[in-house]
Amino acid sequence: MITEWKNLISTLKPSEISMYLQTKGWRKVYNYEHNYGSIWRFTSLNEEEVEVILPHNQVLKDYKVRMIELFKSLEVIENRSMGSIINEINLSGVDVLRFRIASNETYSGTMPLIQATSLTKGVENTILAAACSTITPKSYFPRMAYNEARDYLNGCRMGQTERGSYIITVLSPLKTVSYAGSIFSEFEQDEIFERRVLFTLFNSLYHLRTALSNGTEVGIEETISTGVSANLCEALTLMQPENEVGKLEIGVSWAPIRPLQREIPQRKVIFEKSTFSLIKDYVKYLRYTAPIEEFELKGIVKKLDSTDASRGGRVSIITNIENKDRIISFDLPATLYQTAVTAHFNRSLFSCVGTLTKESKGYTLSNVTSVKIENELDFD
């Protein structure tokens, strides 16, 4: 048993144990020179005082001995096993996500291998989609290739499965911070990216479920700014229970060493099996209406509208999209507007690049660049 303790203790960092002691009411009363260690004191409810030594340097000869003494003291004071204490310390610096599939098939805590593979992929894509939406909310990400989002996903760890039908746990580590002075002095800074991703995830899940209840396109469009995307919805469908009366639960437990700076609507969101057909419809809708970046628009300048061409104006182009002639209007600054004037005067084919967005009344073009005249048309 002692050997097992040694192996478990060796995985812990002194800084993690120091933070744990502070959160449990221990006070650091002395620092040894050369950062060899520190003395911590705890006062119990009956006013009894206990002192332990926390070694700071893992290369010290008596490092493991001192650590075992420390954890034996914690075991007595907290009246629980050393293993549970070590496990809590391991999780004290991470937010924990829980993805639970509840159905007749998972009641025993197992599930078909193929479904488990789909579930794992769904978990991965759900987290990555939330990370991408944290950077830039969009209705659809063709690649989900943001470096910061990928780095965050690579830093997440798969935890031990838990009882309760079938539960996958994901550990989302928080960035290491210095706890000099007040133990919460660093929390006054802006929230770190890892925590903001989880805020985005649970905000989007909550608003998605609300939109599902309303069952309207307007509702789902309004959720895009909260982090809902076609990628997120598609990831959820990978995790749907096989049983018709099953459900998917997604919950979070926040790292105890880092208090929340803001709240989210709910820490657990539940999707019943019956909602997944709607979620699949939302995937199609969000993909279909997603803005197309770097879209090359070509057409004839149908109309110009400007009170002062030196300040730019509005251009209306007739073009063909989805095998149908459409008129798309957009504003251009003076430097680009003059090219449209020339194209209109010479009856030339006009082209530009921008972000094409499908809306209920047609299409719009924004962020227009690369305006040019393709060629003159011959009407003789």
Protein backbone atom coordinates (compact mmCIF):
# COMPACT_ATOMS: atom_id res chain seq x y z
CA MET A 1 0.00 0.00 0.00
CA ILE A 2 2.85 2.38 0.83
CA THR A 3 4.37 1.73 -2.60
CA GLU A 4 1.06 2.60 -4.25
CA TRP A 5 0.90 5.85 -2.26
CA LYS A 6 4.40 6.75 -3.34
CA ASN A 7 3.54 6.23 -6.98
CA LEU A 8 0.37 8.31 -6.73
CA ILE A 9 2.02 11.10 -4.75
CA SER A 10 4.88 11.35 -7.22
CA THR A 11 2.41 12.46 -9.90
CA LEU A 12 1.42 15.55 -7.90
CA LYS A 13 3.15 18.92 -8.11
CA PRO A 14 3.98 20.82 -4.88
CA SER A 15 2.14 23.86 -6.30
CA GLU A 16 -1.05 21.76 -6.68
CA ILE A 17 -0.80 20.50 -3.10
CA SER A 18 -0.13 24.04 -1.86
CA MET A 19 -3.28 25.28 -3.57
CA TYR A 20 -5.29 22.37 -2.17
CA LEU A 21 -4.12 23.12 1.38
CA GLN A 22 -5.16 26.75 1.01
CA THR A 23 -8.64 25.85 -0.22
CA LYS A 24 -9.06 23.45 2.75
CA GLY A 25 -8.24 26.09 5.34
CA TRP A 26 -4.53 25.44 5.96
CA ARG A 27 -2.19 28.42 6.55
CA LYS A 28 1.42 28.62 5.47
CA VAL A 29 3.37 29.73 8.54
CA TYR A 30 6.98 29.27 7.47
CA ASN A 31 9.15 29.02 4.32
CA TYR A 32 12.46 27.17 4.41
CA GLU A 33 15.47 28.77 2.74
CA HIS A 34 16.39 27.87 -0.84
CA ASN A 35 12.78 26.86 -1.49
CA TYR A 36 13.28 23.49 0.20
CA GLY A 37 9.76 23.49 1.61
CA SER A 38 7.20 25.15 3.84
CA ILE A 39 5.32 24.50 7.08
CA TRP A 40 1.52 24.54 7.07
CA ARG A 41 -0.82 24.74 10.02
CA PHE A 42 -4.46 23.69 10.37
CA THR A 43 -6.80 24.52 13.25
CA SER A 44 -9.65 22.06 13.75
CA LEU A 45 -13.14 22.87 15.01
CA ASN A 46 -12.12 21.91 18.56
CA GLU A 47 -9.14 24.31 18.35
CA GLU A 48 -6.53 21.58 17.94
CA GLU A 49 -3.62 22.59 15.72
CA VAL A 50 -1.82 20.30 13.29
CA GLU A 51 1.37 21.11 11.38
CA VAL A 52 2.75 19.45 8.25
CA ILE A 53 5.81 19.98 6.08
CA LEU A 54 5.31 20.43 2.34
CA PRO A 55 8.56 19.80 0.44
CA HIS A 56 8.94 21.94 -2.67
CA ASN A 57 11.80 20.17 -4.43
CA GLN A 58 11.15 16.68 -5.75
CA VAL A 59 14.87 15.85 -5.90
CA LEU A 60 15.25 16.05 -2.12
CA LYS A 61 16.16 12.69 -0.56
CA ASP A 62 13.32 12.78 1.95
CA TYR A 63 10.75 14.17 -0.50
CA LYS A 64 8.55 11.05 -0.66
CA VAL A 65 8.85 10.43 3.08
CA ARG A 66 7.64 13.96 3.87
CA MET A 67 4.85 13.65 1.35
CA ILE A 68 3.61 10.39 2.86
CA GLU A 69 3.63 12.01 6.31
CA LEU A 70 1.66 14.96 4.94
CA PHE A 71 -0.98 12.76 3.29
CA LYS A 72 -1.32 10.53 6.34
CA SER A 73 -2.17 13.67 8.31
CA LEU A 74 -4.72 14.74 5.69
CA GLU A 75 -6.25 11.25 5.75
CA VAL A 76 -6.86 11.51 9.49
CA ILE A 77 -8.10 15.12 9.46
CA GLU A 78 -10.46 14.68 6.51
CA ASN A 79 -11.50 11.15 7.55
CA ARG A 80 -11.28 9.72 4.06
CA SER A 81 -8.88 7.63 2.02
CA MET A 82 -5.62 8.92 0.67
CA GLY A 83 -6.68 7.85 -2.81
CA SER A 84 -9.75 10.09 -2.78
CA ILE A 85 -7.67 13.03 -1.53
CA ILE A 86 -5.07 12.53 -4.26
CA ASN A 87 -7.84 12.24 -6.87
CA GLU A 88 -9.36 15.55 -5.72
CA ILE A 89 -5.98 17.26 -5.92
CA ASN A 90 -5.51 15.90 -9.43
CA LEU A 91 -8.85 17.44 -10.42
CA SER A 92 -8.51 20.67 -8.44
CA GLY A 93 -6.94 22.49 -11.38
CA VAL A 94 -9.27 21.24 -14.10
CA ASP A 95 -12.85 21.78 -15.18
CA VAL A 96 -14.58 18.43 -15.69
CA LEU A 97 -17.04 17.81 -18.52
CA ARG A 98 -19.39 14.84 -18.31
CA PHE A 99 -21.17 13.37 -21.33
CA ARG A 100 -23.80 10.88 -20.19
CA ILE A 101 -25.82 8.54 -22.38
CA ALA A 102 -28.84 7.23 -20.50
CA SER A 103 -30.81 4.46 -22.18
CA ASN A 104 -31.76 0.82 -21.74
CA GLU A 105 -28.62 -0.22 -23.63
CA THR A 106 -26.30 1.71 -21.30
CA TYR A 107 -28.04 0.89 -18.02
CA SER A 108 -25.32 -1.62 -17.14
CA GLY A 109 -22.58 0.95 -17.71
CA THR A 110 -21.61 -0.48 -21.10
CA MET A 111 -22.53 0.25 -24.69
CA PRO A 112 -21.94 -1.27 -28.15
CA LEU A 113 -18.41 -0.62 -29.38
CA ILE A 114 -19.56 1.11 -32.57
CA GLN A 115 -21.75 3.49 -30.58
CA ALA A 116 -18.88 4.21 -28.19
CA THR A 117 -16.66 5.17 -31.14
CA SER A 118 -19.33 7.57 -32.41
CA LEU A 119 -19.77 8.98 -28.90
CA THR A 120 -16.06 9.70 -28.53
CA LYS A 121 -15.95 11.47 -31.90
CA GLY A 122 -19.02 13.47 -30.92
CA VAL A 123 -17.37 14.58 -27.68
CA GLU A 124 -14.24 15.68 -29.55
CA ASN A 125 -16.17 17.65 -32.19
CA THR A 126 -18.48 19.25 -29.62
CA ILE A 127 -15.52 20.68 -27.72
CA LEU A 128 -13.72 21.79 -30.89
CA ALA A 129 -16.85 23.48 -32.28
CA ALA A 130 -17.28 25.41 -29.01
CA ALA A 131 -13.63 26.47 -29.11
CA CYS A 132 -13.99 27.76 -32.68
CA SER A 133 -17.18 29.68 -31.78
CA THR A 134 -15.35 31.22 -28.82
CA ILE A 135 -12.90 32.76 -31.31
CA THR A 136 -15.45 33.75 -33.98
CA PRO A 137 -19.14 32.75 -33.82
CA LYS A 138 -20.27 31.33 -37.17
CA SER A 139 -23.17 29.22 -38.34
CA TYR A 140 -20.75 26.78 -40.00
CA PHE A 141 -16.99 26.13 -39.92
CA PRO A 142 -15.85 24.32 -43.09
CA ARG A 143 -12.58 23.22 -41.45
CA MET A 144 -12.55 24.16 -37.72
CA ALA A 145 -8.84 24.87 -38.19
CA TYR A 146 -8.16 27.69 -35.71
CA ASN A 147 -4.79 27.01 -34.08
CA GLU A 148 -5.92 28.18 -30.62
CA ALA A 149 -8.96 25.92 -30.78
CA ARG A 150 -6.86 22.93 -31.84
CA ASP A 151 -4.28 23.63 -29.12
CA TYR A 152 -7.06 23.71 -26.52
CA LEU A 153 -8.49 20.40 -27.73
CA ASN A 154 -5.04 18.81 -27.64
CA GLY A 155 -4.68 19.91 -24.01
CA CYS A 156 -7.91 18.20 -22.91
CA ARG A 157 -7.63 14.74 -21.34
CA MET A 158 -10.01 11.82 -21.19
CA GLY A 159 -10.84 11.01 -17.58
CA GLN A 160 -12.05 7.81 -15.96
CA THR A 161 -15.52 6.65 -16.92
CA GLU A 162 -18.11 7.01 -14.17
CA ARG A 163 -21.18 5.07 -13.06
CA GLY A 164 -24.61 6.21 -14.09
CA SER A 165 -25.51 4.57 -17.42
CA TYR A 166 -22.49 5.46 -19.56
CA ILE A 167 -20.47 8.59 -18.72
CA ILE A 168 -17.40 9.95 -20.50
CA THR A 169 -15.43 12.53 -18.54
CA VAL A 170 -13.17 15.11 -20.15
CA LEU A 171 -10.65 17.09 -18.13
CA SER A 172 -10.13 20.67 -19.27
CA PRO A 173 -6.93 21.91 -17.55
CA LEU A 174 -6.66 25.57 -16.61
CA LYS A 175 -3.55 27.58 -17.28
CA THR A 176 -1.03 27.63 -14.44
CA VAL A 177 -1.18 30.91 -12.53
CA SER A 178 0.91 32.35 -9.76
CA TYR A 179 -0.83 32.48 -6.41
CA ALA A 180 1.54 34.90 -4.67
CA GLY A 181 -0.16 36.95 -1.97
CA SER A 182 -3.90 36.45 -1.95
CA ILE A 183 -4.73 32.99 -3.27
CA PHE A 184 -7.31 34.48 -5.61
CA SER A 185 -5.35 37.55 -6.73
CA GLU A 186 -5.04 36.31 -10.30
CA PHE A 187 -8.79 35.75 -10.72
CA GLU A 188 -9.39 39.47 -11.24
CA GLN A 189 -7.88 39.16 -14.72
CA ASP A 190 -9.91 38.33 -17.81
CA GLU A 191 -11.14 34.76 -18.03
CA ILE A 192 -8.65 32.43 -19.68
CA PHE A 193 -9.48 30.83 -23.02
CA GLU A 194 -10.06 27.36 -21.54
CA ARG A 195 -12.80 28.67 -19.27
CA ARG A 196 -14.35 30.85 -22.00
CA VAL A 197 -14.68 27.78 -24.24
CA LEU A 198 -16.82 26.05 -21.62
CA PHE A 199 -18.92 29.20 -21.13
CA THR A 200 -19.52 29.21 -24.89
CA LEU A 201 -20.35 25.51 -24.89
CA PHE A 202 -22.99 25.65 -22.17
CA ASN A 203 -24.48 28.93 -23.37
CA SER A 204 -24.87 27.47 -26.84
CA LEU A 205 -26.30 24.16 -25.58
CA TYR A 206 -28.84 25.99 -23.40
CA HIS A 207 -29.96 28.30 -26.21
CA LEU A 208 -30.04 25.44 -28.72
CA ARG A 209 -32.36 23.47 -26.49
CA THR A 210 -34.57 26.56 -26.11
CA ALA A 211 -34.64 27.02 -29.88
CA LEU A 212 -35.59 23.36 -30.29
CA SER A 213 -38.56 23.97 -28.02
CA ASN A 214 -39.65 26.97 -30.12
CA GLY A 215 -39.09 25.09 -33.36
CA THR A 216 -38.56 28.13 -35.60
CA GLU A 217 -35.79 29.20 -37.96
CA VAL A 218 -35.72 32.62 -36.32
CA GLY A 219 -34.92 30.97 -33.02
CA ILE A 220 -31.97 29.01 -34.36
CA GLU A 221 -30.54 32.05 -36.20
CA GLU A 222 -30.53 34.01 -32.96
CA THR A 223 -28.46 31.30 -31.26
CA ILE A 224 -25.49 31.62 -33.62
CA SER A 225 -24.05 34.51 -31.59
CA THR A 226 -24.14 32.29 -28.48
CA GLY A 227 -21.99 29.62 -30.15
CA VAL A 228 -24.47 27.35 -31.91
CA SER A 229 -23.11 26.11 -35.25
CA ALA A 230 -23.82 23.35 -37.72
CA ASN A 231 -20.65 21.68 -36.45
CA LEU A 232 -21.92 21.66 -32.86
CA CYS A 233 -25.31 20.28 -33.88
CA GLU A 234 -23.70 17.61 -36.03
CA ALA A 235 -21.46 16.59 -33.13
CA LEU A 236 -24.51 16.19 -30.90
CA THR A 237 -26.13 13.83 -33.40
CA LEU A 238 -23.06 11.57 -33.14
CA MET A 239 -23.85 11.15 -29.44
CA GLN A 240 -27.57 10.45 -29.66
CA PRO A 241 -28.77 7.37 -27.76
CA GLU A 242 -29.84 4.37 -29.78
CA ASN A 243 -32.87 3.67 -27.61
CA GLU A 244 -36.02 5.67 -28.39
CA VAL A 245 -36.49 6.73 -24.76
CA GLY A 246 -32.84 7.58 -24.13
CA LYS A 247 -31.28 10.97 -23.53
CA LEU A 248 -27.95 12.79 -23.73
CA GLU A 249 -26.80 14.79 -20.71
CA ILE A 250 -23.86 17.19 -20.82
CA GLY A 251 -22.69 18.68 -17.52
CA VAL A 252 -19.70 20.49 -16.03
CA SER A 253 -17.97 20.74 -12.65
CA TRP A 254 -15.76 23.79 -12.23
CA ALA A 255 -12.21 23.56 -10.90
CA PRO A 256 -12.40 24.34 -7.17
CA ILE A 257 -9.20 26.40 -7.18
CA ARG A 258 -10.58 28.92 -9.67
CA PRO A 259 -13.90 30.58 -8.74
CA LEU A 260 -16.29 31.53 -11.53
CA GLN A 261 -16.27 35.16 -12.61
CA ARG A 262 -19.65 34.81 -14.30
CA GLU A 263 -22.49 32.33 -14.34
CA ILE A 264 -23.97 30.30 -17.16
CA PRO A 265 -27.69 29.54 -17.63
CA GLN A 266 -27.28 25.88 -16.64
CA ARG A 267 -24.48 23.50 -15.68
CA LYS A 268 -26.29 20.51 -17.14
CA VAL A 269 -28.20 20.41 -20.42
CA ILE A 270 -30.35 17.43 -21.44
CA PHE A 271 -31.37 16.45 -24.97
CA GLU A 272 -34.10 13.84 -25.25
CA LYS A 273 -33.95 11.29 -28.07
CA SER A 274 -36.99 12.89 -29.71
CA THR A 275 -35.11 16.18 -30.30
CA PHE A 276 -32.34 14.73 -32.46
CA SER A 277 -34.41 14.68 -35.66
CA LEU A 278 -34.80 18.45 -35.25
CA ILE A 279 -31.10 18.85 -34.54
CA LYS A 280 -30.35 17.08 -37.84
CA ASP A 281 -32.67 19.54 -39.61
CA TYR A 282 -30.77 22.41 -37.99
CA VAL A 283 -27.50 20.99 -39.32
CA LYS A 284 -28.88 21.19 -42.87
CA TYR A 285 -30.36 24.65 -42.30
CA LEU A 286 -27.21 26.15 -40.78
CA ARG A 287 -25.00 24.67 -43.49
CA TYR A 288 -27.33 25.94 -46.22
CA THR A 289 -27.57 29.47 -44.83
CA ALA A 290 -23.94 29.74 -43.74
CA PRO A 291 -22.08 32.75 -45.19
CA ILE A 292 -19.68 31.81 -47.96
CA GLU A 293 -16.41 33.65 -47.50
CA GLU A 294 -14.21 34.59 -50.46
CA PHE A 295 -17.18 34.19 -52.81
CA GLU A 296 -16.48 35.46 -56.32
CA LEU A 297 -19.50 37.30 -57.69
CA LYS A 298 -19.73 38.02 -61.44
CA GLY A 299 -22.51 39.84 -63.22
CA ILE A 300 -23.78 42.92 -64.98
CA VAL A 301 -24.12 46.22 -63.14
CA LYS A 302 -27.88 46.72 -63.24
CA LYS A 303 -28.13 49.89 -61.19
CA LEU A 304 -25.98 52.51 -59.46
CA ASP A 305 -27.19 54.62 -56.56
CA SER A 306 -25.09 57.43 -55.13
CA THR A 307 -25.62 61.04 -54.08
CA ASP A 308 -21.89 61.68 -54.38
CA ALA A 309 -19.74 59.26 -56.38
CA SER A 310 -16.61 60.64 -54.72
CA ARG A 311 -17.88 59.08 -51.48
CA GLY A 312 -18.95 55.77 -52.96
CA GLY A 313 -22.39 54.33 -53.46
CA ARG A 314 -24.65 51.32 -53.78
CA VAL A 315 -24.26 48.86 -56.64
CA SER A 316 -26.87 46.35 -57.85
CA ILE A 317 -25.58 43.35 -59.83
CA ILE A 318 -27.64 40.85 -61.78
CA THR A 319 -26.06 37.42 -61.53
CA ASN A 320 -26.93 33.73 -61.58
CA ILE A 321 -26.96 31.77 -58.32
CA GLU A 322 -28.41 28.28 -58.01
CA ASN A 323 -29.53 28.40 -61.64
CA LYS A 324 -31.63 31.48 -61.10
CA ASP A 325 -31.05 35.14 -62.02
CA ARG A 326 -30.84 37.27 -58.90
CA ILE A 327 -30.14 40.90 -58.12
CA ILE A 328 -27.65 41.46 -55.31
CA SER A 329 -27.02 44.96 -53.96
CA PHE A 330 -24.09 46.10 -51.84
CA ASP A 331 -22.25 49.27 -50.87
CA LEU A 332 -18.80 50.19 -52.16
CA PRO A 333 -16.37 52.89 -51.03
CA ALA A 334 -15.28 55.54 -53.51
CA THR A 335 -12.10 53.72 -54.55
CA LEU A 336 -14.09 50.66 -55.63
CA TYR A 337 -17.30 52.36 -56.69
CA GLN A 338 -15.64 54.03 -59.66
CA THR A 339 -14.81 50.61 -61.14
CA ALA A 340 -18.51 49.70 -60.99
CA VAL A 341 -19.37 53.01 -62.71
CA THR A 342 -16.93 52.21 -65.52
CA ALA A 343 -18.32 48.67 -65.89
CA HIS A 344 -21.85 50.04 -66.09
CA PHE A 345 -20.92 52.68 -68.64
CA ASN A 346 -19.01 50.22 -70.86
CA ARG A 347 -21.54 47.41 -70.39
CA SER A 348 -18.74 45.20 -69.07
CA LEU A 349 -18.79 42.05 -66.95
CA PHE A 350 -18.14 43.12 -63.37
CA SER A 351 -16.62 40.87 -60.69
CA CYS A 352 -15.77 41.17 -57.01
CA VAL A 353 -15.01 39.00 -54.00
CA GLY A 354 -16.92 39.11 -50.71
CA THR A 355 -18.92 37.18 -48.12
CA LEU A 356 -22.19 35.86 -49.55
CA THR A 357 -25.02 35.33 -47.08
CA LYS A 358 -28.39 33.74 -47.79
CA GLU A 359 -31.27 35.45 -46.01
CA SER A 360 -35.02 34.98 -46.02
CA LYS A 361 -35.46 37.66 -48.73
CA GLY A 362 -32.51 36.71 -50.88
CA TYR A 363 -28.74 37.15 -50.74
CA THR A 364 -26.44 39.85 -49.42
CA LEU A 365 -22.77 40.51 -50.12
CA SER A 366 -20.46 42.05 -47.54
CA ASN A 367 -16.72 42.67 -47.01
CA VAL A 368 -16.34 43.30 -50.73
CA THR A 369 -12.80 43.36 -52.18
CA SER A 370 -10.96 42.63 -55.44
CA VAL A 371 -13.32 44.64 -57.63
CA LYS A 372 -12.45 44.47 -61.34
CA ILE A 373 -13.81 44.55 -64.88
CA GLU A 374 -13.68 41.17 -66.57
CA ASN A 375 -14.38 42.15 -70.20
CA GLU A 376 -16.54 44.34 -72.39
CA LEU A 377 -19.70 42.82 -73.78
CA ASP A 378 -20.45 42.98 -77.50
CA PHE A 379 -24.09 43.81 -78.25
CA ASP A 380 -23.62 44.47 -81.99
